[in-house]
Amino acid sequence: MVKGLEKALSMIDENTKVIPGHGNLSNKEELSHYLQMLKDAKSGTEKFIKEGKSLAELLDSDVLKNHEQRFGQGFLKREKFLSIILEGLKQ
C-alpha cells in the first residue's frame, strides 16, 4: 500500500482531486498525510514487536498521537487499525 501511495503521489499535482474509497474528496496534501500516517504506524508497531510488547501495550501507546486528530474519527477505529497493522507485520 505504501509503495502504491508513493507512486500515486509522484503522478499527481496540487490540483488533482483524489477520490478515496472512504471519506470525502481529497487532494495531494491529504494523501501525503495519509501516507506518512501509514509509515509511522508501521514503524511504531515494528518497534513494539521488536521490544516484545503486547497488543494492549501498543493500544495504550501514543504511536499515532501525531495523526489522531486528522484520522482518528474514520470508519476504521484506532484499536482495529493497530490490530490489523500488528497482525500483518507478525506474518
N, C-alpha and C. Protein backbone atom coordinates (compact mmCIF):
# COMPACT_ATOMS: atom_id res chain seq x y z
N MET A 1 0.82 -1.18 0.00
CA MET A 1 0.00 0.00 0.00
C MET A 1 0.87 1.26 0.00
N VAL A 2 1.93 1.24 0.79
CA VAL A 2 2.83 2.39 0.86
C VAL A 2 3.44 2.68 -0.51
N LYS A 3 3.93 1.65 -1.17
CA LYS A 3 4.54 1.86 -2.49
C LYS A 3 3.51 2.38 -3.50
N GLY A 4 2.29 1.89 -3.40
CA GLY A 4 1.23 2.36 -4.29
C GLY A 4 0.91 3.83 -4.06
N LEU A 5 0.87 4.24 -2.81
CA LEU A 5 0.62 5.65 -2.50
C LEU A 5 1.79 6.53 -2.94
N GLU A 6 3.00 6.04 -2.74
CA GLU A 6 4.17 6.80 -3.21
C GLU A 6 4.12 6.99 -4.72
N LYS A 7 3.75 5.95 -5.43
CA LYS A 7 3.62 6.03 -6.89
C LYS A 7 2.53 7.03 -7.28
N ALA A 8 1.38 6.93 -6.62
CA ALA A 8 0.27 7.84 -6.92
C ALA A 8 0.68 9.29 -6.67
N LEU A 9 1.36 9.54 -5.56
CA LEU A 9 1.79 10.91 -5.25
C LEU A 9 2.77 11.44 -6.29
N SER A 10 3.57 10.57 -6.86
CA SER A 10 4.53 11.01 -7.87
C SER A 10 3.84 11.35 -9.20
N MET A 11 2.61 10.90 -9.35
CA MET A 11 1.90 11.09 -10.62
C MET A 11 0.89 12.24 -10.59
N ILE A 12 0.64 12.82 -9.41
CA ILE A 12 -0.38 13.87 -9.32
C ILE A 12 0.24 15.19 -8.90
N ASP A 13 -0.53 16.26 -9.08
CA ASP A 13 -0.06 17.57 -8.63
C ASP A 13 -1.07 18.15 -7.63
N GLU A 14 -0.83 19.38 -7.20
CA GLU A 14 -1.66 20.02 -6.18
C GLU A 14 -3.08 20.29 -6.66
N ASN A 15 -3.33 20.25 -7.95
CA ASN A 15 -4.67 20.50 -8.49
C ASN A 15 -5.48 19.22 -8.68
N THR A 16 -4.85 18.08 -8.47
CA THR A 16 -5.52 16.79 -8.67
C THR A 16 -6.52 16.53 -7.55
N LYS A 17 -7.70 16.08 -7.92
CA LYS A 17 -8.71 15.68 -6.95
C LYS A 17 -8.56 14.18 -6.72
N VAL A 18 -8.47 13.79 -5.47
CA VAL A 18 -8.31 12.39 -5.09
C VAL A 18 -9.65 11.89 -4.55
N ILE A 19 -10.15 10.81 -5.12
CA ILE A 19 -11.42 10.23 -4.69
C ILE A 19 -11.10 8.97 -3.89
N PRO A 20 -11.19 9.05 -2.56
CA PRO A 20 -10.85 7.88 -1.74
C PRO A 20 -11.97 6.85 -1.74
N GLY A 21 -11.64 5.65 -1.31
CA GLY A 21 -12.65 4.61 -1.18
C GLY A 21 -13.62 4.90 -0.06
N HIS A 22 -13.17 5.63 0.94
CA HIS A 22 -14.00 6.04 2.08
C HIS A 22 -13.67 7.49 2.38
N GLY A 23 -14.66 8.26 2.76
CA GLY A 23 -14.42 9.63 3.17
C GLY A 23 -14.69 10.63 2.07
N ASN A 24 -14.29 11.84 2.35
CA ASN A 24 -14.55 12.98 1.47
C ASN A 24 -13.52 13.09 0.35
N LEU A 25 -13.89 13.87 -0.66
CA LEU A 25 -12.97 14.21 -1.74
C LEU A 25 -11.69 14.74 -1.11
N SER A 26 -10.56 14.39 -1.69
CA SER A 26 -9.28 14.72 -1.08
C SER A 26 -8.35 15.34 -2.11
N ASN A 27 -7.08 15.50 -1.73
CA ASN A 27 -6.09 16.11 -2.61
C ASN A 27 -4.70 15.55 -2.30
N LYS A 28 -3.71 16.04 -2.99
CA LYS A 28 -2.35 15.53 -2.84
C LYS A 28 -1.83 15.73 -1.42
N GLU A 29 -2.09 16.86 -0.83
CA GLU A 29 -1.60 17.13 0.52
C GLU A 29 -2.19 16.12 1.53
N GLU A 30 -3.48 15.88 1.44
CA GLU A 30 -4.12 14.92 2.35
C GLU A 30 -3.60 13.50 2.11
N LEU A 31 -3.39 13.16 0.86
CA LEU A 31 -2.85 11.83 0.53
C LEU A 31 -1.44 11.67 1.10
N SER A 32 -0.68 12.74 1.06
CA SER A 32 0.67 12.73 1.62
C SER A 32 0.62 12.53 3.14
N HIS A 33 -0.33 13.19 3.81
CA HIS A 33 -0.50 13.00 5.26
C HIS A 33 -0.89 11.55 5.57
N TYR A 34 -1.76 10.99 4.75
CA TYR A 34 -2.20 9.61 4.94
C TYR A 34 -1.02 8.65 4.80
N LEU A 35 -0.19 8.88 3.80
CA LEU A 35 1.00 8.05 3.59
C LEU A 35 1.91 8.14 4.81
N GLN A 36 2.14 9.33 5.33
CA GLN A 36 3.01 9.48 6.49
C GLN A 36 2.43 8.76 7.71
N MET A 37 1.11 8.81 7.87
CA MET A 37 0.47 8.11 8.98
C MET A 37 0.70 6.61 8.88
N LEU A 38 0.56 6.06 7.67
CA LEU A 38 0.80 4.63 7.47
C LEU A 38 2.24 4.27 7.80
N LYS A 39 3.18 5.08 7.35
CA LYS A 39 4.60 4.82 7.62
C LYS A 39 4.88 4.88 9.12
N ASP A 40 4.31 5.87 9.80
CA ASP A 40 4.52 5.99 11.24
C ASP A 40 3.89 4.83 12.00
N ALA A 41 2.70 4.42 11.57
CA ALA A 41 2.03 3.28 12.21
C ALA A 41 2.87 2.02 12.05
N LYS A 42 3.40 1.83 10.87
CA LYS A 42 4.22 0.63 10.61
C LYS A 42 5.50 0.66 11.45
N SER A 43 6.23 1.76 11.41
CA SER A 43 7.50 1.81 12.14
C SER A 43 7.28 1.75 13.65
N GLY A 44 6.24 2.40 14.14
CA GLY A 44 5.94 2.34 15.56
C GLY A 44 5.56 0.94 16.01
N THR A 45 4.77 0.26 15.20
CA THR A 45 4.34 -1.10 15.53
C THR A 45 5.52 -2.07 15.44
N GLU A 46 6.39 -1.89 14.46
CA GLU A 46 7.59 -2.73 14.36
C GLU A 46 8.45 -2.60 15.61
N LYS A 47 8.54 -1.40 16.14
CA LYS A 47 9.31 -1.18 17.37
C LYS A 47 8.71 -1.98 18.52
N PHE A 48 7.39 -1.96 18.63
CA PHE A 48 6.72 -2.72 19.70
C PHE A 48 6.96 -4.21 19.54
N ILE A 49 6.94 -4.69 18.32
CA ILE A 49 7.18 -6.12 18.07
C ILE A 49 8.61 -6.48 18.50
N LYS A 50 9.59 -5.67 18.10
CA LYS A 50 10.99 -5.95 18.45
C LYS A 50 11.21 -5.94 19.96
N GLU A 51 10.45 -5.09 20.66
CA GLU A 51 10.57 -5.00 22.11
C GLU A 51 9.75 -6.06 22.83
N GLY A 52 9.03 -6.89 22.06
CA GLY A 52 8.23 -7.96 22.65
C GLY A 52 6.99 -7.48 23.39
N LYS A 53 6.51 -6.31 23.04
CA LYS A 53 5.34 -5.75 23.73
C LYS A 53 4.05 -6.32 23.16
N SER A 54 3.01 -6.22 23.96
CA SER A 54 1.71 -6.80 23.61
C SER A 54 0.84 -5.82 22.84
N LEU A 55 -0.26 -6.36 22.31
CA LEU A 55 -1.25 -5.52 21.63
C LEU A 55 -1.81 -4.49 22.61
N ALA A 56 -2.06 -4.89 23.84
CA ALA A 56 -2.58 -3.96 24.84
C ALA A 56 -1.62 -2.79 25.06
N GLU A 57 -0.33 -3.09 25.10
CA GLU A 57 0.67 -2.03 25.27
C GLU A 57 0.71 -1.12 24.05
N LEU A 58 0.57 -1.70 22.87
CA LEU A 58 0.53 -0.90 21.65
C LEU A 58 -0.69 0.02 21.66
N LEU A 59 -1.83 -0.52 22.05
CA LEU A 59 -3.06 0.28 22.09
C LEU A 59 -2.99 1.40 23.12
N ASP A 60 -2.24 1.17 24.20
CA ASP A 60 -2.08 2.20 25.24
C ASP A 60 -1.02 3.23 24.88
N SER A 61 -0.29 2.99 23.82
CA SER A 61 0.82 3.87 23.43
C SER A 61 0.32 5.11 22.69
N ASP A 62 1.26 5.98 22.42
CA ASP A 62 0.96 7.19 21.64
C ASP A 62 1.54 7.10 20.23
N VAL A 63 1.62 5.87 19.70
CA VAL A 63 2.24 5.63 18.40
C VAL A 63 1.57 6.45 17.28
N LEU A 64 0.30 6.77 17.43
CA LEU A 64 -0.41 7.54 16.39
C LEU A 64 -0.78 8.95 16.85
N LYS A 65 -0.17 9.42 17.93
CA LYS A 65 -0.60 10.70 18.50
C LYS A 65 -0.55 11.86 17.51
N ASN A 66 0.40 11.86 16.61
CA ASN A 66 0.51 12.96 15.64
C ASN A 66 -0.54 12.89 14.54
N HIS A 67 -1.30 11.82 14.50
CA HIS A 67 -2.25 11.62 13.40
C HIS A 67 -3.70 11.46 13.85
N GLU A 68 -3.93 11.33 15.15
CA GLU A 68 -5.27 11.01 15.62
C GLU A 68 -6.29 12.11 15.34
N GLN A 69 -5.90 13.35 15.41
CA GLN A 69 -6.86 14.42 15.14
C GLN A 69 -7.32 14.37 13.68
N ARG A 70 -6.42 14.08 12.78
CA ARG A 70 -6.74 14.06 11.35
C ARG A 70 -7.44 12.77 10.93
N PHE A 71 -7.01 11.63 11.49
CA PHE A 71 -7.50 10.34 11.00
C PHE A 71 -8.27 9.52 12.05
N GLY A 72 -8.29 9.96 13.29
CA GLY A 72 -8.85 9.15 14.36
C GLY A 72 -10.36 8.97 14.37
N GLN A 73 -11.08 9.67 13.52
CA GLN A 73 -12.54 9.59 13.53
C GLN A 73 -13.11 8.87 12.32
N GLY A 74 -12.29 8.17 11.60
CA GLY A 74 -12.73 7.48 10.39
C GLY A 74 -13.52 6.22 10.68
N PHE A 75 -13.87 5.51 9.64
CA PHE A 75 -14.67 4.30 9.78
C PHE A 75 -13.89 3.18 10.46
N LEU A 76 -12.58 3.20 10.37
CA LEU A 76 -11.73 2.19 11.00
C LEU A 76 -11.12 2.82 12.25
N LYS A 77 -11.57 2.37 13.39
CA LYS A 77 -11.14 2.95 14.66
C LYS A 77 -9.70 2.54 14.99
N ARG A 78 -9.07 3.34 15.83
CA ARG A 78 -7.67 3.19 16.20
C ARG A 78 -7.32 1.76 16.63
N GLU A 79 -8.12 1.18 17.51
CA GLU A 79 -7.84 -0.15 18.03
C GLU A 79 -7.81 -1.19 16.91
N LYS A 80 -8.79 -1.14 16.04
CA LYS A 80 -8.86 -2.10 14.94
C LYS A 80 -7.70 -1.88 13.96
N PHE A 81 -7.42 -0.62 13.66
CA PHE A 81 -6.35 -0.28 12.73
C PHE A 81 -5.01 -0.82 13.23
N LEU A 82 -4.68 -0.54 14.50
CA LEU A 82 -3.41 -1.01 15.05
C LEU A 82 -3.37 -2.53 15.15
N SER A 83 -4.50 -3.15 15.44
CA SER A 83 -4.55 -4.62 15.48
C SER A 83 -4.23 -5.21 14.11
N ILE A 84 -4.78 -4.60 13.07
CA ILE A 84 -4.53 -5.07 11.70
C ILE A 84 -3.05 -4.90 11.35
N ILE A 85 -2.48 -3.75 11.68
CA ILE A 85 -1.06 -3.50 11.40
C ILE A 85 -0.20 -4.53 12.13
N LEU A 86 -0.49 -4.74 13.41
CA LEU A 86 0.29 -5.68 14.21
C LEU A 86 0.23 -7.09 13.64
N GLU A 87 -0.95 -7.56 13.34
CA GLU A 87 -1.09 -8.91 12.79
C GLU A 87 -0.41 -9.05 11.44
N GLY A 88 -0.52 -8.03 10.61
CA GLY A 88 0.12 -8.06 9.30
C GLY A 88 1.64 -8.12 9.39
N LEU A 89 2.20 -7.40 10.33
CA LEU A 89 3.66 -7.37 10.48
C LEU A 89 4.19 -8.64 11.14
N LYS A 90 3.37 -9.32 11.90
CA LYS A 90 3.81 -10.56 12.55
C LYS A 90 3.88 -11.72 11.57
N GLN A 91 3.21 -11.62 10.44
CA GLN A 91 3.17 -12.72 9.47
C GLN A 91 4.43 -12.79 8.65
